[in-house]
C-alpha atoms as a PDB file:
ATOM      1  CA  MET A   1     -20.895 -28.399 -42.399  1.00  0.00           C
ATOM      2  CA  LYS A   2     -21.482 -24.813 -41.317  1.00  0.00           C
ATOM      3  CA  LYS A   3     -23.213 -25.965 -38.114  1.00  0.00           C
ATOM      4  CA  LEU A   4     -20.312 -28.284 -37.365  1.00  0.00           C
ATOM      5  CA  LEU A   5     -17.836 -25.440 -37.899  1.00  0.00           C
ATOM      6  CA  ALA A   6     -19.753 -23.123 -35.666  1.00  0.00           C
ATOM      7  CA  LEU A   7     -19.835 -25.744 -32.912  1.00  0.00           C
ATOM      8  CA  CYS A   8     -16.113 -26.290 -33.192  1.00  0.00           C
ATOM      9  CA  LEU A   9     -15.529 -22.547 -32.872  1.00  0.00           C
ATOM     10  CA  LEU A  10     -17.675 -22.484 -29.689  1.00  0.00           C
ATOM     11  CA  LEU A  11     -15.965 -25.404 -27.956  1.00  0.00           C
ATOM     12  CA  PRO A  12     -13.003 -23.388 -26.596  1.00  0.00           C
ATOM     13  CA  LEU A  13     -15.377 -20.811 -25.153  1.00  0.00           C
ATOM     14  CA  PHE A  14     -17.561 -23.544 -23.576  1.00  0.00           C
ATOM     15  CA  GLY A  15     -14.508 -25.261 -22.093  1.00  0.00           C
ATOM     16  CA  LEU A  16     -13.319 -21.965 -20.630  1.00  0.00           C
ATOM     17  CA  SER A  17     -16.643 -21.191 -19.065  1.00  0.00           C
ATOM     18  CA  GLN A  18     -16.778 -24.590 -17.388  1.00  0.00           C
ATOM     19  CA  THR A  19     -13.329 -24.338 -15.734  1.00  0.00           C
ATOM     20  CA  LYS A  20     -13.496 -25.995 -12.308  1.00  0.00           C
ATOM     21  CA  ASN A  21     -11.299 -23.581 -10.331  1.00  0.00           C
ATOM     22  CA  VAL A  22     -13.677 -22.253  -7.646  1.00  0.00           C
ATOM     23  CA  VAL A  23     -13.631 -23.505  -4.044  1.00  0.00           C
ATOM     24  CA  SER A  24     -15.824 -22.522  -1.229  1.00  0.00           C
ATOM     25  CA  VAL A  25     -14.403 -22.430   2.317  1.00  0.00           C
ATOM     26  CA  THR A  26     -16.409 -22.693   5.509  1.00  0.00           C
ATOM     27  CA  ARG A  27     -14.864 -22.256   8.951  1.00  0.00           C
ATOM     28  CA  VAL A  28     -16.734 -23.403  12.031  1.00  0.00           C
ATOM     29  CA  PHE A  29     -15.745 -23.548  15.654  1.00  0.00           C
ATOM     30  CA  PRO A  30     -17.123 -26.285  17.955  1.00  0.00           C
ATOM     31  CA  LYS A  31     -17.750 -25.849  21.623  1.00  0.00           C
ATOM     32  CA  ILE A  32     -14.668 -26.999  23.641  1.00  0.00           C
ATOM     33  CA  ASP A  33     -16.670 -29.708  25.468  1.00  0.00           C
ATOM     34  CA  LYS A  34     -18.386 -30.991  22.279  1.00  0.00           C
ATOM     35  CA  VAL A  35     -15.497 -31.584  19.876  1.00  0.00           C
ATOM     36  CA  GLY A  36     -15.994 -35.412  19.821  1.00  0.00           C
ATOM     37  CA  GLU A  37     -19.760 -35.221  19.171  1.00  0.00           C
ATOM     38  CA  PHE A  38     -19.133 -32.460  16.519  1.00  0.00           C
ATOM     39  CA  GLU A  39     -16.561 -34.485  14.585  1.00  0.00           C
ATOM     40  CA  LYS A  40     -18.776 -37.562  14.599  1.00  0.00           C
ATOM     41  CA  ALA A  41     -21.681 -35.490  13.239  1.00  0.00           C
ATOM     42  CA  LEU A  42     -19.600 -33.587  10.658  1.00  0.00           C
ATOM     43  CA  THR A  43     -18.269 -36.785   9.228  1.00  0.00           C
ATOM     44  CA  ALA A  44     -21.735 -38.334   8.863  1.00  0.00           C
ATOM     45  CA  HIS A  45     -23.032 -35.153   7.200  1.00  0.00           C
ATOM     46  CA  ALA A  46     -20.173 -34.904   4.770  1.00  0.00           C
ATOM     47  CA  GLN A  47     -20.456 -38.565   3.691  1.00  0.00           C
ATOM     48  CA  LYS A  48     -24.199 -38.226   3.103  1.00  0.00           C
ATOM     49  CA  TYR A  49     -24.577 -34.811   1.508  1.00  0.00           C
ATOM     50  CA  HIS A  50     -21.164 -33.692   0.194  1.00  0.00           C
ATOM     51  CA  THR A  51     -19.800 -36.134  -2.422  1.00  0.00           C
ATOM     52  CA  GLY A  52     -18.642 -36.041  -6.004  1.00  0.00           C
ATOM     53  CA  ASP A  53     -17.917 -32.469  -7.254  1.00  0.00           C
ATOM     54  CA  TRP A  54     -19.131 -31.193  -3.872  1.00  0.00           C
ATOM     55  CA  LYS A  55     -16.817 -33.307  -1.709  1.00  0.00           C
ATOM     56  CA  TRP A  56     -15.396 -31.840   1.465  1.00  0.00           C
ATOM     57  CA  ARG A  57     -11.748 -31.727   2.571  1.00  0.00           C
ATOM     58  CA  VAL A  58     -11.636 -30.954   6.241  1.00  0.00           C
ATOM     59  CA  PHE A  59      -8.679 -29.429   8.047  1.00  0.00           C
ATOM     60  CA  THR A  60      -8.033 -28.594  11.755  1.00  0.00           C
ATOM     61  CA  ILE A  61      -6.615 -25.024  12.232  1.00  0.00           C
ATOM     62  CA  GLU A  62      -3.481 -25.459  14.358  1.00  0.00           C
ATOM     63  CA  SER A  63      -2.233 -21.957  14.817  1.00  0.00           C
ATOM     64  CA  GLY A  64      -3.138 -18.306  14.249  1.00  0.00           C
ATOM     65  CA  PRO A  65      -6.280 -16.291  15.229  1.00  0.00           C
ATOM     66  CA  ASP A  66      -8.649 -19.135  14.146  1.00  0.00           C
ATOM     67  CA  ALA A  67      -6.780 -21.942  15.972  1.00  0.00           C
ATOM     68  CA  GLY A  68      -9.167 -24.558  17.315  1.00  0.00           C
ATOM     69  CA  GLY A  69     -11.460 -24.170  14.309  1.00  0.00           C
ATOM     70  CA  TYR A  70     -12.224 -26.487  11.401  1.00  0.00           C
ATOM     71  CA  HIS A  71     -11.537 -25.407   7.780  1.00  0.00           C
ATOM     72  CA  ILE A  72     -13.909 -27.039   5.274  1.00  0.00           C
ATOM     73  CA  THR A  73     -13.199 -26.706   1.512  1.00  0.00           C
ATOM     74  CA  GLU A  74     -15.766 -27.730  -1.080  1.00  0.00           C
ATOM     75  CA  GLY A  75     -15.017 -28.252  -4.746  1.00  0.00           C
ATOM     76  CA  PRO A  76     -13.375 -27.339  -7.015  1.00  0.00           C
ATOM     77  CA  VAL A  77     -16.259 -26.602  -9.225  1.00  0.00           C
ATOM     78  CA  SER A  78     -17.215 -24.037 -11.838  1.00  0.00           C
ATOM     79  CA  TRP A  79     -19.365 -20.911 -11.363  1.00  0.00           C
ATOM     80  CA  GLU A  80     -21.901 -22.444 -13.690  1.00  0.00           C
ATOM     81  CA  GLN A  81     -22.165 -25.463 -11.328  1.00  0.00           C
ATOM     82  CA  ILE A  82     -22.646 -23.175  -8.328  1.00  0.00           C
ATOM     83  CA  ASP A  83     -25.243 -21.185 -10.268  1.00  0.00           C
ATOM     84  CA  GLY A  84     -27.208 -24.332 -11.077  1.00  0.00           C
ATOM     85  CA  ARG A  85     -26.850 -26.065  -7.781  1.00  0.00           C
ATOM     86  CA  GLY A  86     -30.057 -24.614  -6.317  1.00  0.00           C
ATOM     87  CA  ASP A  87     -31.515 -25.366  -2.851  1.00  0.00           C
ATOM     88  CA  LEU A  88     -29.730 -28.282  -1.144  1.00  0.00           C
ATOM     89  CA  GLY A  89     -33.029 -29.398   0.200  1.00  0.00           C
ATOM     90  CA  GLN A  90     -34.780 -29.504   3.587  1.00  0.00           C
ATOM     91  CA  ALA A  91     -33.266 -32.768   4.624  1.00  0.00           C
ATOM     92  CA  HIS A  92     -29.790 -31.328   4.172  1.00  0.00           C
ATOM     93  CA  THR A  93     -30.580 -28.205   6.153  1.00  0.00           C
ATOM     94  CA  ASP A  94     -32.286 -30.113   8.939  1.00  0.00           C
ATOM     95  CA  ASP A  95     -29.327 -32.528   9.211  1.00  0.00           C
ATOM     96  CA  TRP A  96     -26.862 -29.673   9.458  1.00  0.00           C
ATOM     97  CA  ASN A  97     -28.901 -27.620  11.938  1.00  0.00           C
ATOM     98  CA  LYS A  98     -30.004 -30.473  14.189  1.00  0.00           C
ATOM     99  CA  SER A  99     -26.983 -32.796  13.984  1.00  0.00           C
ATOM    100  CA  VAL A 100     -24.001 -30.473  13.504  1.00  0.00           C
ATOM    101  CA  ALA A 101     -24.734 -26.848  14.303  1.00  0.00           C
ATOM    102  CA  VAL A 102     -25.942 -27.795  17.801  1.00  0.00           C
ATOM    103  CA  TYR A 103     -22.247 -28.385  18.749  1.00  0.00           C
ATOM    104  CA  LEU A 104     -20.961 -25.092  17.330  1.00  0.00           C
ATOM    105  CA  THR A 105     -20.207 -21.672  18.718  1.00  0.00           C
ATOM    106  CA  ASP A 106     -21.588 -18.522  17.036  1.00  0.00           C
ATOM    107  CA  LYS A 107     -18.296 -17.897  15.221  1.00  0.00           C
ATOM    108  CA  TYR A 108     -18.638 -18.713  11.506  1.00  0.00           C
ATOM    109  CA  GLN A 109     -16.999 -17.838   8.228  1.00  0.00           C
ATOM    110  CA  SER A 110     -17.797 -18.546   4.620  1.00  0.00           C
ATOM    111  CA  SER A 111     -16.050 -17.497   1.423  1.00  0.00           C
ATOM    112  CA  TYR A 112     -15.377 -18.216  -2.263  1.00  0.00           C
ATOM    113  CA  SER A 113     -11.909 -18.269  -3.848  1.00  0.00           C
ATOM    114  CA  VAL A 114     -10.631 -18.834  -7.393  1.00  0.00           C
ATOM    115  CA  PHE A 115      -7.495 -20.850  -7.942  1.00  0.00           C
ATOM    116  CA  ARG A 116      -4.851 -18.794  -9.761  1.00  0.00           C
ATOM    117  CA  GLU A 117      -2.832 -21.277 -11.848  1.00  0.00           C
ATOM    118  CA  ASP A 118      -0.617 -18.383 -13.182  1.00  0.00           C
ATOM    119  CA  LEU A 119       0.556 -17.610  -9.701  1.00  0.00           C
ATOM    120  CA  SER A 120       0.821 -21.244  -8.496  1.00  0.00           C
ATOM    121  CA  THR A 121       3.670 -23.821  -8.630  1.00  0.00           C
ATOM    122  CA  VAL A 122       1.316 -26.795  -8.075  1.00  0.00           C
ATOM    123  CA  GLN A 123      -1.824 -28.077  -9.739  1.00  0.00           C
ATOM    124  CA  LEU A 124      -5.058 -27.311  -8.066  1.00  0.00           C
ATOM    125  CA  THR A 125      -5.868 -30.848  -6.939  1.00  0.00           C
ATOM    126  CA  ASP A 126      -2.328 -31.948  -6.049  1.00  0.00           C
ATOM    127  CA  TYR A 127      -3.014 -31.737  -2.369  1.00  0.00           C
ATOM    128  CA  SER A 128      -0.931 -32.429   0.799  1.00  0.00           C
ATOM    129  CA  ASP A 129      -1.831 -33.214   4.392  1.00  0.00           C
ATOM    130  CA  LYS A 130       0.118 -30.358   6.022  1.00  0.00           C
ATOM    131  CA  ILE A 131      -0.306 -26.837   4.760  1.00  0.00           C
ATOM    132  CA  ALA A 132       0.382 -23.264   5.755  1.00  0.00           C
ATOM    133  CA  ILE A 133      -1.821 -20.371   4.469  1.00  0.00           C
ATOM    134  CA  LEU A 134      -0.543 -16.880   4.099  1.00  0.00           C
ATOM    135  CA  HIS A 135      -3.389 -14.382   3.861  1.00  0.00           C
ATOM    136  CA  ILE A 136      -2.351 -11.272   1.986  1.00  0.00           C
ATOM    137  CA  PHE A 137      -4.637  -8.199   1.805  1.00  0.00           C
ATOM    138  CA  PRO A 138      -3.542  -5.669  -0.864  1.00  0.00           C
ATOM    139  CA  LYS A 139      -4.116  -2.045  -0.299  1.00  0.00           C
ATOM    140  CA  PRO A 140      -7.122  -0.666  -2.280  1.00  0.00           C
ATOM    141  CA  GLY A 141      -6.215  -0.149  -5.907  1.00  0.00           C
ATOM    142  CA  PHE A 142      -3.070  -2.290  -5.779  1.00  0.00           C
ATOM    143  CA  GLY A 143      -4.567  -5.709  -6.657  1.00  0.00           C
ATOM    144  CA  LEU A 144      -2.900  -5.820 -10.150  1.00  0.00           C
ATOM    145  CA  LYS A 145       0.448  -4.595  -8.654  1.00  0.00           C
ATOM    146  CA  MET A 146       0.263  -7.399  -6.106  1.00  0.00           C
ATOM    147  CA  GLU A 147      -0.235  -9.900  -9.007  1.00  0.00           C
ATOM    148  CA  GLU A 148       2.881  -8.641 -10.703  1.00  0.00           C
ATOM    149  CA  HIS A 149       4.749  -8.901  -7.401  1.00  0.00           C
ATOM    150  CA  LEU A 150       3.588 -12.449  -6.862  1.00  0.00           C
ATOM    151  CA  LYS A 151       4.676 -13.515 -10.349  1.00  0.00           C
ATOM    152  CA  ASN A 152       8.204 -12.532  -9.362  1.00  0.00           C
ATOM    153  CA  VAL A 153       7.845 -14.378  -6.083  1.00  0.00           C
ATOM    154  CA  LYS A 154       6.701 -17.409  -7.980  1.00  0.00           C
ATOM    155  CA  LYS A 155      10.034 -17.608  -9.869  1.00  0.00           C
ATOM    156  CA  ALA A 156      11.839 -17.979  -6.459  1.00  0.00           C
ATOM    157  CA  TRP A 157       9.352 -20.666  -5.369  1.00  0.00           C
ATOM    158  CA  GLU A 158      10.126 -22.602  -8.523  1.00  0.00           C
ATOM    159  CA  ILE A 159      13.869 -22.460  -7.938  1.00  0.00           C
ATOM    160  CA  GLY A 160      13.330 -23.854  -4.378  1.00  0.00           C
ATOM    161  CA  LYS A 161      10.775 -26.438  -5.611  1.00  0.00           C
ATOM    162  CA  GLU A 162       8.136 -25.058  -3.293  1.00  0.00           C
ATOM    163  CA  THR A 163       4.644 -26.261  -3.974  1.00  0.00           C
ATOM    164  CA  VAL A 164       2.354 -23.208  -3.454  1.00  0.00           C
ATOM    165  CA  ALA A 165      -1.245 -22.970  -4.544  1.00  0.00           C
ATOM    166  CA  ALA A 166      -2.428 -19.426  -4.993  1.00  0.00           C
ATOM    167  CA  TYR A 167      -6.065 -18.415  -4.553  1.00  0.00           C
ATOM    168  CA  GLN A 168      -7.863 -15.068  -4.988  1.00  0.00           C
ATOM    169  CA  ALA A 169     -10.883 -14.246  -2.876  1.00  0.00           C
ATOM    170  CA  SER A 170     -14.106 -13.601  -4.810  1.00  0.00           C
ATOM    171  CA  SER A 171     -16.904 -11.412  -3.422  1.00  0.00           C
ATOM    172  CA  SER A 172     -15.893 -12.573   0.093  1.00  0.00           C
ATOM    173  CA  GLY A 173     -14.849  -9.577   2.129  1.00  0.00           C
ATOM    174  CA  PRO A 174     -11.705  -7.592   1.602  1.00  0.00           C
ATOM    175  CA  SER A 175      -9.515  -8.184  -1.438  1.00  0.00           C
ATOM    176  CA  GLN A 176      -7.265 -11.079  -0.572  1.00  0.00           C
ATOM    177  CA  PHE A 177      -4.678 -13.543  -1.941  1.00  0.00           C
ATOM    178  CA  ALA A 178      -4.324 -16.779  -0.072  1.00  0.00           C
ATOM    179  CA  LEU A 179      -0.974 -18.506  -0.691  1.00  0.00           C
ATOM    180  CA  VAL A 180      -1.179 -22.162   0.386  1.00  0.00           C
ATOM    181  CA  SER A 181       2.183 -23.837   0.934  1.00  0.00           C
ATOM    182  CA  ARG A 182       1.619 -27.571   0.471  1.00  0.00           C
ATOM    183  CA  TYR A 183       4.295 -29.451   2.383  1.00  0.00           C
ATOM    184  CA  LYS A 184       4.715 -32.633   0.340  1.00  0.00           C
ATOM    185  CA  GLY A 185       7.631 -33.674   2.566  1.00  0.00           C
ATOM    186  CA  GLY A 186       5.937 -32.711   5.795  1.00  0.00           C
ATOM    187  CA  LEU A 187       6.719 -29.904   8.206  1.00  0.00           C
ATOM    188  CA  LYS A 188      10.484 -30.520   7.834  1.00  0.00           C
ATOM    189  CA  GLU A 189      10.234 -28.249   4.826  1.00  0.00           C
ATOM    190  CA  ARG A 190       9.845 -25.378   7.242  1.00  0.00           C
ATOM    191  CA  ALA A 191      13.224 -26.059   8.887  1.00  0.00           C
ATOM    192  CA  THR A 192      16.055 -23.579   8.510  1.00  0.00           C
ATOM    193  CA  GLY A 193      18.450 -24.888   5.843  1.00  0.00           C
ATOM    194  CA  PHE A 194      15.984 -27.130   4.102  1.00  0.00           C
ATOM    195  CA  ARG A 195      15.998 -24.693   1.145  1.00  0.00           C
ATOM    196  CA  LYS A 196      18.327 -21.935   0.043  1.00  0.00           C
ATOM    197  CA  PRO A 197      17.213 -18.720   1.735  1.00  0.00           C
ATOM    198  CA  PHE A 198      14.354 -16.988  -0.025  1.00  0.00           C
ATOM    199  CA  ASN A 199      16.190 -13.723  -0.609  1.00  0.00           C
ATOM    200  CA  GLU A 200      19.032 -15.628  -2.461  1.00  0.00           C
ATOM    201  CA  ARG A 201      16.482 -17.452  -4.619  1.00  0.00           C
ATOM    202  CA  TYR A 202      14.681 -14.271  -5.306  1.00  0.00           C
ATOM    203  CA  GLU A 203      17.756 -12.510  -6.604  1.00  0.00           C
ATOM    204  CA  GLU A 204      18.757 -15.634  -8.587  1.00  0.00           C
ATOM    205  CA  ALA A 205      15.439 -15.451 -10.334  1.00  0.00           C
ATOM    206  CA  ASN A 206      14.917 -11.730 -10.666  1.00  0.00           C
ATOM    207  CA  GLY A 207      18.449 -10.276 -10.761  1.00  0.00           C
ATOM    208  CA  ALA A 208      21.027  -8.925  -8.371  1.00  0.00           C
ATOM    209  CA  GLY A 209      19.631  -6.333  -6.003  1.00  0.00           C
ATOM    210  CA  SER A 210      16.072  -7.304  -6.783  1.00  0.00           C
ATOM    211  CA  TYR A 211      15.312  -8.311  -3.244  1.00  0.00           C
ATOM    212  CA  ASN A 212      15.433  -4.694  -2.092  1.00  0.00           C
ATOM    213  CA  ASN A 213      12.571  -4.058  -4.645  1.00  0.00           C
ATOM    214  CA  TYR A 214      10.756  -7.097  -3.202  1.00  0.00           C
ATOM    215  CA  ALA A 215      10.855  -5.543   0.338  1.00  0.00           C
ATOM    216  CA  GLU A 216       9.703  -2.209  -1.001  1.00  0.00           C
ATOM    217  CA  ASN A 217       6.845  -3.808  -2.842  1.00  0.00           C
ATOM    218  CA  VAL A 218       5.604  -5.702   0.170  1.00  0.00           C
ATOM    219  CA  SER A 219       5.429  -2.432   2.102  1.00  0.00           C
ATOM    220  CA  LYS A 220       3.964  -0.462  -0.835  1.00  0.00           C
ATOM    221  CA  TYR A 221       1.266  -2.908  -1.904  1.00  0.00           C
ATOM    222  CA  THR A 222       0.168  -4.735   1.264  1.00  0.00           C
ATOM    223  CA  ASP A 223      -2.365  -3.519   3.742  1.00  0.00           C
ATOM    224  CA  ASN A 224      -1.879  -6.414   6.095  1.00  0.00           C
ATOM    225  CA  SER A 225      -1.153 -10.148   6.231  1.00  0.00           C
ATOM    226  CA  TRP A 226      -1.264 -13.170   8.586  1.00  0.00           C
ATOM    227  CA  SER A 227      -0.519 -16.931   8.454  1.00  0.00           C
ATOM    228  CA  GLU A 228      -1.545 -20.220  10.000  1.00  0.00           C
ATOM    229  CA  LEU A 229      -0.877 -23.944   9.943  1.00  0.00           C
ATOM    230  CA  LEU A 230      -3.546 -26.477   9.082  1.00  0.00           C
ATOM    231  CA  PHE A 231      -3.596 -30.322   9.115  1.00  0.00           C
ATOM    232  CA  TYR A 232      -5.809 -32.367   6.843  1.00  0.00           C
ATOM    233  CA  LYS A 233      -8.161 -34.849   8.601  1.00  0.00           C
ATOM    234  CA  LYS A 234      -9.069 -37.629   6.181  1.00  0.00           C
ATOM    235  CA  GLU A 235     -11.326 -39.356   8.743  1.00  0.00           C
ATOM    236  CA  LEU A 236     -13.595 -36.285   8.892  1.00  0.00           C
ATOM    237  CA  SER A 237     -13.736 -35.625   5.121  1.00  0.00           C
ATOM    238  CA  SER A 238     -15.948 -36.921   2.321  1.00  0.00           C
ATOM    239  CA  LYS A 239     -15.049 -40.436   1.282  1.00  0.00           C
END
C-alpha cells in the first residue's frame, strides 16, 4: 500500500516532466536554380527519417529577411525525448548530406523553442496553413516584464478571437518570444475591418487609457522585433 501511495504521489511530477511542448526549428535556403530538386529530396528525407513524434511540418517563408527559405518544425516532444534520442545514425546523416544538402546555400539556422500555453490563445497542435510570426526580442533583464505585458495582450487577442501560439526560445541565441498568428480563416483575417482595432480591444480588456501603457511597455521592454508570413506545404512534410 505504501509503495502504491508513493507511486501515485510521483505521477503528477512524472507527467509534468514528460510534457511535449518543445519544438525544434530548422531554416534552410536552397540554391535558386535547384528548388525543384531540393523539394523532391527534402520530401523523401522527411518521409523516411522524420515520422511519429519527430515528424516535420514544412513551410515556405514568403516575406521578411528570410524570404525564399524553408522553415522546418519538428515535434512537439519533451526535453526527455530529445535527451534520449541519441545519434540519428550514419544512414540519416548520409541521406541528408548527399541527397538534400547538396542543393542548399551556406545560410542555415537551427533553434529550440518552448510552447507557452499561458501566453497563447490556441492549443499547441491546433495548426493552420497560413501563419505570421512576430519575433520579439526583449531587452536584457526584461524577460519577465515582457511576459506580464504579453498576458495583457492575450486578453485583447481573446476578445478578437485571434488564434495566437506563443513560443519562447530556449538556448538559441538572443532571448526571444515568437508569436505565431494562425489564420484559421486564411489571410482575409489580416484585412482592415475584419476585427475591431487592437487598441480598442486592448482597452476593453485592460481598462480605459491602458493602451498608452501598452505603447510605453513596447518601447520600454523591447530591444527589436520583426515579422514574416509563412505558408504550410503539406506535400513537403512528413506523412
